[in-house]
Protein backbone atom coordinates (compact mmCIF):
# COMPACT_ATOMS: atom_id res chain seq x y z
CA UNK A 1 -13.13 4.59 0.87
CA UNK A 2 -11.03 7.55 1.84
CA UNK A 3 -8.49 8.03 4.65
CA UNK A 4 -11.13 9.38 7.02
CA UNK A 5 -13.45 6.41 6.54
CA UNK A 6 -10.63 3.89 6.94
CA UNK A 7 -9.51 5.72 10.07
CA UNK A 8 -13.04 5.65 11.53
CA UNK A 9 -13.42 1.93 10.92
CA UNK A 10 -9.97 1.07 12.27
CA UNK A 11 -10.45 3.26 15.36
CA UNK A 12 -13.69 1.48 16.25
CA UNK A 13 -12.46 -2.02 15.37
CA UNK A 14 -12.19 -3.02 19.02
CA UNK A 15 -14.04 -4.89 21.75
CA UNK A 16 -13.90 -1.68 23.77
CA UNK A 17 -16.08 0.11 21.23
CA UNK A 18 -19.78 -0.19 22.03
CA UNK A 19 -20.64 0.40 18.37
CA UNK A 20 -18.64 -2.56 17.06
CA UNK A 21 -19.12 -6.30 17.34
CA UNK A 22 -17.17 -9.19 15.85
CA UNK A 23 -19.89 -11.80 15.45
CA UNK A 24 -18.46 -14.96 13.93
CA UNK A 25 -15.10 -16.34 12.79
CA UNK A 26 -14.31 -18.61 9.87
CA UNK A 27 -10.99 -20.45 10.15
CA UNK A 28 -9.27 -22.36 7.34
CA UNK A 29 -5.88 -24.01 7.02
CA UNK A 30 -4.51 -25.12 3.63
CA UNK A 31 -1.23 -26.85 2.89
CA UNK A 32 1.28 -25.88 0.21
CA UNK A 33 -0.67 -27.90 -2.37
CA UNK A 34 -3.82 -25.91 -1.50
CA UNK A 35 -5.49 -28.89 0.12
CA UNK A 36 -7.94 -27.73 2.78
CA UNK A 37 -6.89 -29.53 5.95
CA UNK A 38 -9.18 -27.75 8.36
CA UNK A 39 -12.07 -25.31 8.33
CA UNK A 40 -14.39 -24.24 11.11
CA UNK A 41 -16.98 -21.55 11.72
CA UNK A 42 -17.72 -20.52 15.29
CA UNK A 43 -19.12 -17.67 17.31
CA UNK A 44 -16.58 -15.13 18.49
CA UNK A 45 -18.17 -15.07 21.93
CA UNK A 46 -17.32 -18.71 22.67
CA UNK A 47 -13.60 -18.30 21.93
CA UNK A 48 -11.10 -18.10 24.81
CA UNK A 49 -9.99 -14.57 25.66
CA UNK A 50 -6.41 -15.15 24.46
CA UNK A 51 -7.65 -16.45 21.09
CA UNK A 52 -10.01 -13.48 20.69
CA UNK A 53 -7.16 -11.05 21.29
CA UNK A 54 -5.04 -12.62 18.54
CA UNK A 55 -7.94 -12.71 16.07
CA UNK A 56 -8.77 -9.06 16.74
CA UNK A 57 -5.13 -8.03 16.37
CA UNK A 58 -4.65 -9.95 13.12
CA UNK A 59 -7.84 -8.74 11.45
CA UNK A 60 -7.29 -5.13 12.48
CA UNK A 61 -3.92 -5.15 10.70
CA UNK A 62 -5.71 -5.60 7.37
CA UNK A 63 -6.90 -1.99 7.82
CA UNK A 64 -3.40 -0.64 8.42
CA UNK A 65 -0.92 1.14 6.19
CA UNK A 66 -1.31 3.86 3.59
CA UNK A 67 -4.19 4.24 1.19
CA UNK A 68 -2.89 3.68 -2.33
CA UNK A 69 0.02 1.57 -1.09
CA UNK A 70 -0.99 -1.05 1.49
CA UNK A 71 -4.70 -0.47 0.89
CA UNK A 72 -6.26 -0.30 -2.56
CA UNK A 73 -9.94 -0.20 -3.45
CA UNK A 74 -11.09 -2.14 -6.51
CA UNK A 75 -14.44 -2.13 -8.28
CA UNK A 76 -15.95 -5.43 -9.41
CA UNK A 77 -16.37 -6.02 -13.15
CA UNK A 78 -19.84 -6.90 -14.45
CA UNK A 79 -19.13 -10.62 -14.75
CA UNK A 80 -18.23 -10.78 -11.05
CA UNK A 81 -21.92 -10.43 -10.14
CA UNK A 82 -22.86 -13.62 -11.98
CA UNK A 83 -23.11 -17.00 -10.28
CA UNK A 84 -19.63 -18.20 -9.40
CA UNK A 85 -18.20 -14.68 -9.62
CA UNK A 86 -16.26 -13.12 -6.75
CA UNK A 87 -18.83 -10.45 -5.86
CA UNK A 88 -21.61 -13.04 -5.92
CA UNK A 89 -19.67 -15.35 -3.60
CA UNK A 90 -18.62 -12.58 -1.20
CA UNK A 91 -22.17 -11.23 -1.05
CA UNK A 92 -23.54 -14.72 -0.23
CA UNK A 93 -20.97 -15.09 2.57
CA UNK A 94 -21.91 -11.66 3.90
CA UNK A 95 -25.61 -12.47 3.94
CA UNK A 96 -24.92 -15.89 5.49
CA UNK A 97 -22.90 -14.25 8.27
CA UNK A 98 -20.53 -17.26 8.11
CA UNK A 99 -23.35 -19.45 9.46
CA UNK A 100 -24.29 -20.84 6.01
CA UNK A 101 -22.12 -23.89 5.32
CA UNK A 102 -22.68 -23.81 1.55
CA UNK A 103 -21.76 -20.11 1.33
CA UNK A 104 -18.75 -20.68 3.59
CA UNK A 105 -17.47 -23.52 1.40
CA UNK A 106 -17.82 -21.45 -1.76
CA UNK A 107 -15.99 -18.57 -0.06
CA UNK A 108 -13.10 -20.76 1.07
CA UNK A 109 -12.81 -22.59 -2.26
CA UNK A 110 -12.68 -19.25 -4.05
CA UNK A 111 -9.60 -18.33 -2.03
CA UNK A 112 -7.76 -21.66 -1.85
CA UNK A 113 -8.27 -22.62 -5.50
CA UNK A 114 -7.17 -19.26 -6.91
CA UNK A 115 -4.52 -17.89 -4.59
CA UNK A 116 -0.95 -17.94 -5.88
CA UNK A 117 0.73 -18.91 -2.61
CA UNK A 118 3.34 -21.67 -2.84
CA UNK A 119 3.46 -22.36 0.90
CA UNK A 120 0.91 -23.31 3.54
CA UNK A 121 -1.40 -20.55 4.72
CA UNK A 122 -4.30 -19.83 7.04
CA UNK A 123 -7.42 -17.80 6.35
CA UNK A 124 -8.98 -15.95 9.26
CA UNK A 125 -12.24 -14.27 8.28
CA UNK A 126 -14.92 -12.66 10.40
CA UNK A 127 -18.41 -11.24 10.07
CA UNK A 128 -18.63 -7.90 11.86
CA UNK A 129 -21.17 -5.16 12.55
CA UNK A 130 -20.49 -1.47 13.06
CA UNK A 131 -23.33 0.83 14.15
CA UNK A 132 -22.80 4.04 12.22
CA UNK A 133 -23.55 7.17 14.20
CA UNK A 134 -25.39 10.09 12.64
CA UNK A 135 -23.22 13.18 12.17
CA UNK A 136 -24.38 16.79 12.22
CA UNK A 137 -23.40 19.52 9.77
CA UNK A 138 -20.18 20.11 11.73
CA UNK A 139 -19.16 16.48 11.24
CA UNK A 140 -19.74 15.73 14.92
CA UNK A 141 -21.38 12.53 16.18
CA UNK A 142 -24.90 13.07 17.48
CA UNK A 143 -24.83 9.89 19.57
CA UNK A 144 -27.59 8.30 17.54
CA UNK A 145 -27.15 5.34 15.20
CA UNK A 146 -29.25 5.27 12.06
CA UNK A 147 -27.89 2.20 10.23
CA UNK A 148 -25.66 -0.83 10.58
CA UNK A 149 -22.64 -1.56 8.45
CA UNK A 150 -22.26 -5.33 8.20
CA UNK A 151 -19.03 -6.53 6.62
CA UNK A 152 -16.64 -9.44 6.31
CA UNK A 153 -12.95 -8.93 6.84
CA UNK A 154 -10.37 -11.52 5.82
CA UNK A 155 -6.72 -12.00 6.76
CA UNK A 156 -4.49 -14.44 4.88
CA UNK A 157 -1.50 -15.41 7.01
CA UNK A 158 1.70 -17.35 6.27
CA UNK A 159 2.23 -20.58 8.21
CA UNK A 160 5.49 -22.28 9.23
CA UNK A 161 6.84 -24.62 11.87
CA UNK A 162 8.80 -21.94 13.68
CA UNK A 163 11.86 -24.21 13.83
CA UNK A 164 14.33 -21.62 15.09
CA UNK A 165 17.32 -23.86 15.66
CA UNK A 166 18.96 -24.38 19.06
CA UNK A 167 17.24 -23.89 22.40
CA UNK A 168 18.06 -24.36 26.08
CA UNK A 169 16.22 -27.23 27.79
CA UNK A 170 15.82 -26.29 31.46
CA UNK A 171 14.95 -29.89 32.44
CA UNK A 172 18.15 -31.41 31.09
CA UNK A 173 20.21 -28.22 31.50
CA UNK A 174 21.52 -28.62 27.96
CA UNK A 175 21.46 -26.87 24.61
CA UNK A 176 19.84 -28.92 21.87
CA UNK A 177 18.36 -28.61 18.38
CA UNK A 178 14.79 -27.37 18.50
CA UNK A 179 12.30 -29.72 16.86
CA UNK A 180 8.79 -28.42 16.31
CA UNK A 181 6.10 -29.93 14.11
CA UNK A 182 3.32 -27.51 15.08
CA UNK A 183 2.35 -25.13 12.28
CA UNK A 184 2.45 -21.59 13.62
CA UNK A 185 0.11 -19.03 12.04
CA UNK A 186 1.72 -15.62 11.72
CA UNK A 187 -0.11 -12.85 13.57
CA UNK A 188 0.69 -10.39 10.79
CA UNK A 189 -1.32 -11.16 7.63
CA UNK A 190 0.45 -11.05 4.29
CA UNK A 191 -2.76 -10.15 2.45
CA UNK A 192 -6.40 -9.51 3.19
CA UNK A 193 -9.59 -7.81 2.06
CA UNK A 194 -12.69 -6.02 3.31
CA UNK A 195 -16.15 -6.39 1.79
CA UNK A 196 -18.23 -4.36 1.26
CA UNK A 197 -16.28 -1.12 1.44
CA UNK A 198 -17.31 1.65 3.83
CA UNK A 199 -17.97 4.49 1.37
CA UNK A 200 -19.74 7.73 2.36
CA UNK A 201 -20.14 6.01 5.74
CA UNK A 202 -22.36 3.35 4.20
CA UNK A 203 -21.79 -0.11 2.67
CA UNK A 204 -20.96 -0.30 -1.03
CA UNK A 205 -21.18 -3.88 -2.33
CA UNK A 206 -19.76 -2.85 -5.71
CA UNK A 207 -16.19 -2.59 -4.42
CA UNK A 208 -13.68 -4.40 -2.23
CA UNK A 209 -10.65 -3.10 -0.30
CA UNK A 210 -7.50 -5.18 -0.78
CA UNK A 211 -4.68 -5.12 1.80
CA UNK A 212 -1.06 -6.13 1.32
CA UNK A 213 1.77 -6.03 3.83
CA UNK A 214 4.23 -5.60 0.94
CA UNK A 215 3.13 -2.80 -1.45
CA UNK A 216 6.10 -3.56 -3.72
CA UNK A 217 4.97 -7.18 -4.08
CA UNK A 218 1.19 -7.44 -3.85
CA UNK A 219 -0.39 -10.83 -4.44
CA UNK A 220 -1.79 -10.24 -7.91
CA UNK A 221 -3.55 -13.62 -7.90
CA UNK A 222 -5.75 -12.45 -5.01
CA UNK A 223 -6.66 -9.24 -6.83
CA UNK A 224 -7.31 -10.81 -10.23
CA UNK A 225 -8.22 -14.45 -9.57
CA UNK A 226 -9.77 -14.42 -6.09
CA UNK A 227 -11.48 -11.01 -6.26
CA UNK A 228 -12.05 -10.80 -10.05
CA UNK A 229 -10.61 -7.26 -10.16
CA UNK A 230 -8.16 -5.67 -12.59
CA UNK A 231 -4.69 -5.03 -11.22
CA UNK A 232 -3.08 -1.82 -12.49
CA UNK A 233 0.41 -1.41 -11.07
CA UNK A 234 2.35 -1.20 -7.81
CA UNK A 235 3.65 2.07 -6.31
CA UNK A 236 7.03 1.25 -7.86
CA UNK A 237 5.25 0.57 -11.14
CA UNK A 238 3.67 4.01 -11.00
CA UNK A 239 7.09 5.55 -10.47
CA UNK A 240 8.54 3.61 -13.39
CA UNK A 241 5.80 4.89 -15.71
CA UNK A 242 6.34 8.41 -14.38
CA UNK A 243 10.07 8.18 -15.14
CA UNK A 244 9.32 6.89 -18.65
CA UNK A 245 6.92 9.78 -19.17
CA UNK A 246 9.53 12.37 -18.14
CA UNK A 247 12.14 10.80 -20.40
CA UNK A 248 9.86 10.53 -23.43
CA UNK A 249 8.43 14.06 -23.11
CA UNK A 250 11.55 15.99 -22.17
CA UNK A 251 14.19 14.16 -24.16
CA UNK A 252 17.54 15.97 -24.00
CA UNK A 253 16.01 18.73 -21.86
CA UNK A 254 15.64 16.35 -18.91
CA UNK A 255 18.44 17.60 -16.69
CA UNK A 256 19.16 18.01 -12.98
CA UNK A 257 17.17 21.24 -12.73
CA UNK A 258 14.02 19.84 -14.37
CA UNK A 259 14.10 16.60 -12.35
CA UNK A 260 14.52 18.34 -8.99
CA UNK A 261 11.98 21.05 -9.80
CA UNK A 262 9.34 18.48 -10.83
CA UNK A 263 9.99 16.62 -7.59
CA UNK A 264 9.62 19.85 -5.59
CA UNK A 265 6.31 20.70 -7.27
CA UNK A 266 4.79 17.26 -6.71
CA UNK A 267 6.07 17.19 -3.13
CA UNK A 268 4.32 20.51 -2.54
CA UNK A 269 1.08 19.06 -3.95
CA UNK A 270 1.32 16.14 -1.50
CA UNK A 271 2.03 18.50 1.40
CA UNK A 272 -0.86 20.81 0.55
CA UNK A 273 -3.27 17.87 0.48
CA UNK A 274 -1.98 15.93 3.49
CA UNK A 275 -5.10 16.69 5.53
CA UNK A 276 -7.52 15.87 2.73
CA UNK A 277 -9.49 12.62 2.91
CA UNK A 278 -8.60 11.65 -0.67
CA UNK A 279 -4.91 11.32 -1.61
CA UNK A 280 -3.98 13.65 -4.50
CA UNK A 281 -3.65 12.16 -7.96
CA UNK A 282 -2.09 13.50 -11.16
CA UNK A 283 -3.69 13.12 -14.58
CA UNK A 284 -2.41 14.17 -17.99
CA UNK A 285 -3.63 17.78 -17.70
CA UNK A 286 -2.06 18.26 -14.28
CA UNK A 287 1.18 16.66 -15.46
CA UNK A 288 1.30 19.16 -18.33
CA UNK A 289 1.06 22.06 -15.84
CA UNK A 290 3.73 20.54 -13.59
CA UNK A 291 6.21 20.13 -16.44
CA UNK A 292 5.45 23.61 -17.72
CA UNK A 293 6.07 25.11 -14.27
CA UNK A 294 9.33 23.13 -14.10
CA UNK A 295 10.54 24.89 -17.25
CA UNK A 296 9.94 22.25 -19.92
CA UNK A 297 9.66 23.84 -23.37
CA UNK A 298 6.10 24.25 -24.71
CA UNK A 299 7.06 22.48 -27.95
CA UNK A 300 8.02 19.39 -25.94
CA UNK A 301 4.68 19.48 -24.14
CA UNK A 302 2.74 19.21 -27.39
CA UNK A 303 3.43 15.47 -27.35
CA UNK A 304 2.36 14.86 -23.76
CA UNK A 305 -1.15 13.53 -24.54
CA UNK A 306 0.14 10.73 -26.77
CA UNK A 307 3.07 9.96 -24.47
CA UNK A 308 0.87 9.88 -21.37
CA UNK A 309 -1.57 7.46 -23.01
CA UNK A 310 1.29 5.22 -24.08
CA UNK A 311 3.32 5.27 -20.85
CA UNK A 312 0.60 5.59 -18.19
CA UNK A 313 -2.69 4.78 -19.89
CA UNK A 314 -5.65 6.66 -21.26
CA UNK A 315 -7.71 8.20 -18.43
CA UNK A 316 -5.30 6.65 -15.87
CA UNK A 317 -4.04 8.68 -12.92
CA UNK A 318 -0.86 8.55 -10.85
CA UNK A 319 -0.90 8.91 -7.07
CA UNK A 320 1.27 11.90 -6.23
CA UNK A 321 2.70 10.35 -3.05
CA UNK A 322 4.15 7.47 -5.07
CA UNK A 323 6.13 9.79 -7.36
CA UNK A 324 8.12 11.90 -4.91
CA UNK A 325 11.64 11.40 -3.61
CA UNK A 326 12.92 12.53 -0.21
CA UNK A 327 16.38 12.99 -1.66
CA UNK A 328 18.09 13.28 -5.01
CA UNK A 329 20.54 10.50 -5.80
CA UNK A 330 23.05 11.46 -8.46
CA UNK A 331 25.10 8.52 -9.73
CA UNK A 332 27.91 7.93 -12.19
CA UNK A 333 30.20 4.88 -12.28
CA UNK A 334 32.01 4.55 -8.93
CA UNK A 335 30.47 7.74 -7.48
CA UNK A 336 27.07 8.30 -5.82
CA UNK A 337 26.00 11.60 -4.28
CA UNK A 338 22.92 11.78 -2.01
CA UNK A 339 21.33 15.23 -1.88
CA UNK A 340 18.50 16.05 0.52
CA UNK A 341 15.49 17.77 -0.99
CA UNK A 342 16.21 20.97 0.95
CA UNK A 343 19.72 21.14 -0.48
CA UNK A 344 18.86 20.51 -4.13
CA UNK A 345 19.48 24.16 -5.01
CA UNK A 346 23.06 23.92 -3.70
CA UNK A 347 24.00 21.49 -6.47
CA UNK A 348 24.37 22.34 -10.15
CA UNK A 349 26.01 21.00 -13.25
CA UNK A 350 28.44 22.93 -15.37
CA UNK A 351 31.35 22.70 -17.82
CA UNK A 352 34.78 23.70 -16.52
CA UNK A 353 37.73 23.75 -18.90
CA UNK A 354 35.83 21.49 -21.27
CA UNK A 355 34.87 18.89 -18.65
CA UNK A 356 31.34 18.22 -17.41
CA UNK A 357 31.28 18.86 -13.68
CA UNK A 358 28.99 18.61 -10.69
CA UNK A 359 29.33 21.67 -8.47
CA UNK A 360 28.25 21.65 -4.82
CA UNK A 361 27.99 25.05 -3.15
CA UNK A 362 29.44 25.00 0.37
CA UNK A 363 28.24 27.80 2.63
CA UNK A 364 30.75 26.62 5.22
CA UNK A 365 34.19 25.38 4.08
CA UNK A 366 34.24 22.93 7.03
CA UNK A 367 33.19 19.46 5.91
CA UNK A 368 33.38 15.90 7.21
CA UNK A 369 35.11 13.20 5.15
CA UNK A 370 34.95 9.60 6.39
CA UNK A 371 33.91 10.98 9.77
CA UNK A 372 36.91 13.32 10.00
CA UNK A 373 36.39 17.07 10.13
CA UNK A 374 38.39 18.94 7.54
CA UNK A 375 38.22 22.01 5.33
CA UNK A 376 38.06 22.66 1.60
CA UNK A 377 40.67 24.83 -0.08
CA UNK A 378 38.84 28.07 -0.92
CA UNK A 379 41.29 29.23 -3.61
CA UNK A 380 39.52 30.06 -6.90
CA UNK A 381 40.29 27.22 -9.34
CA UNK A 382 38.99 28.93 -12.45
CA UNK A 383 35.82 30.28 -13.95
CA UNK A 384 33.03 27.89 -14.89
CA UNK A 385 31.64 27.72 -18.37
CA UNK A 386 27.85 27.52 -18.36
């Protein structure tokens, strides 16, 4: 799925859309020991209006966030199609429309027995239908539907008692300790998934879209153990591999100028592709061009193939948006300097009277220190040695 397809599905994921219907809900509650305490399948149409609103809100959030960060598409491995595999179980649940008790039980067991949660949680899943409109050559809807996209969408939500401490009791006119034994299901899911994916505006049962509220800490057990897919690395993990690649390729040539120039080039790639449906990625060949344009010596670049395979992975790609920085942070013990991307060219390193120095060009001698306006002495303190 690309950004455009996710946007189309999210936009129409609403009771107000005549092309969309949420058909049936499957509820499950499991305690911290993964014991299933409650499960129920029921038609969406029989639910009270207030309950429907919460279900719609919660499920829709599993389509939110950025592609490549909150949302990641995974392809099923071959063994997942076999009996007992994730794709096989999800496909049976899809075909059963959450009306088949055996398929529902297998679906729920797949989640509760394999998820790595250590606290109680609730599973809210739904079978939905979206009537896909035909589009003309100008990518405009013709008003005619030619096929239905049936899918199941699942939200996994934390549960707690909501014991918030003290409260005011209006009947006794007193402040007392709040005591609540009801388990409250969070409206915002921690994780979730969509199956099948909506690819080329049609269902693709060979892949699943995983959602996480916390891109830095995805639930790997859902990806690998529930969905049978191979987890690569988080956005922070991509950045760590990128940093290792720069260090290993450039060696002693990795200085302030190279780092900021590489960041500028990749930022420009992201900006140029911001309206594209697919987020830009960087492979080994593109990384070679970026480093070359940033001034890295050609002899250093001769090792990039081997280094890329070792640090990133053979045939692996890095998402450009996960590699950029909005500012440059220059740190030494006891001193940290934050430099905005637009001001990177105003900072340089040099050697003055035998000492390594950081030089900041000031177009205006007026500066603010600790919130107090002051000026910098403009007397020439000596020539810099490059």
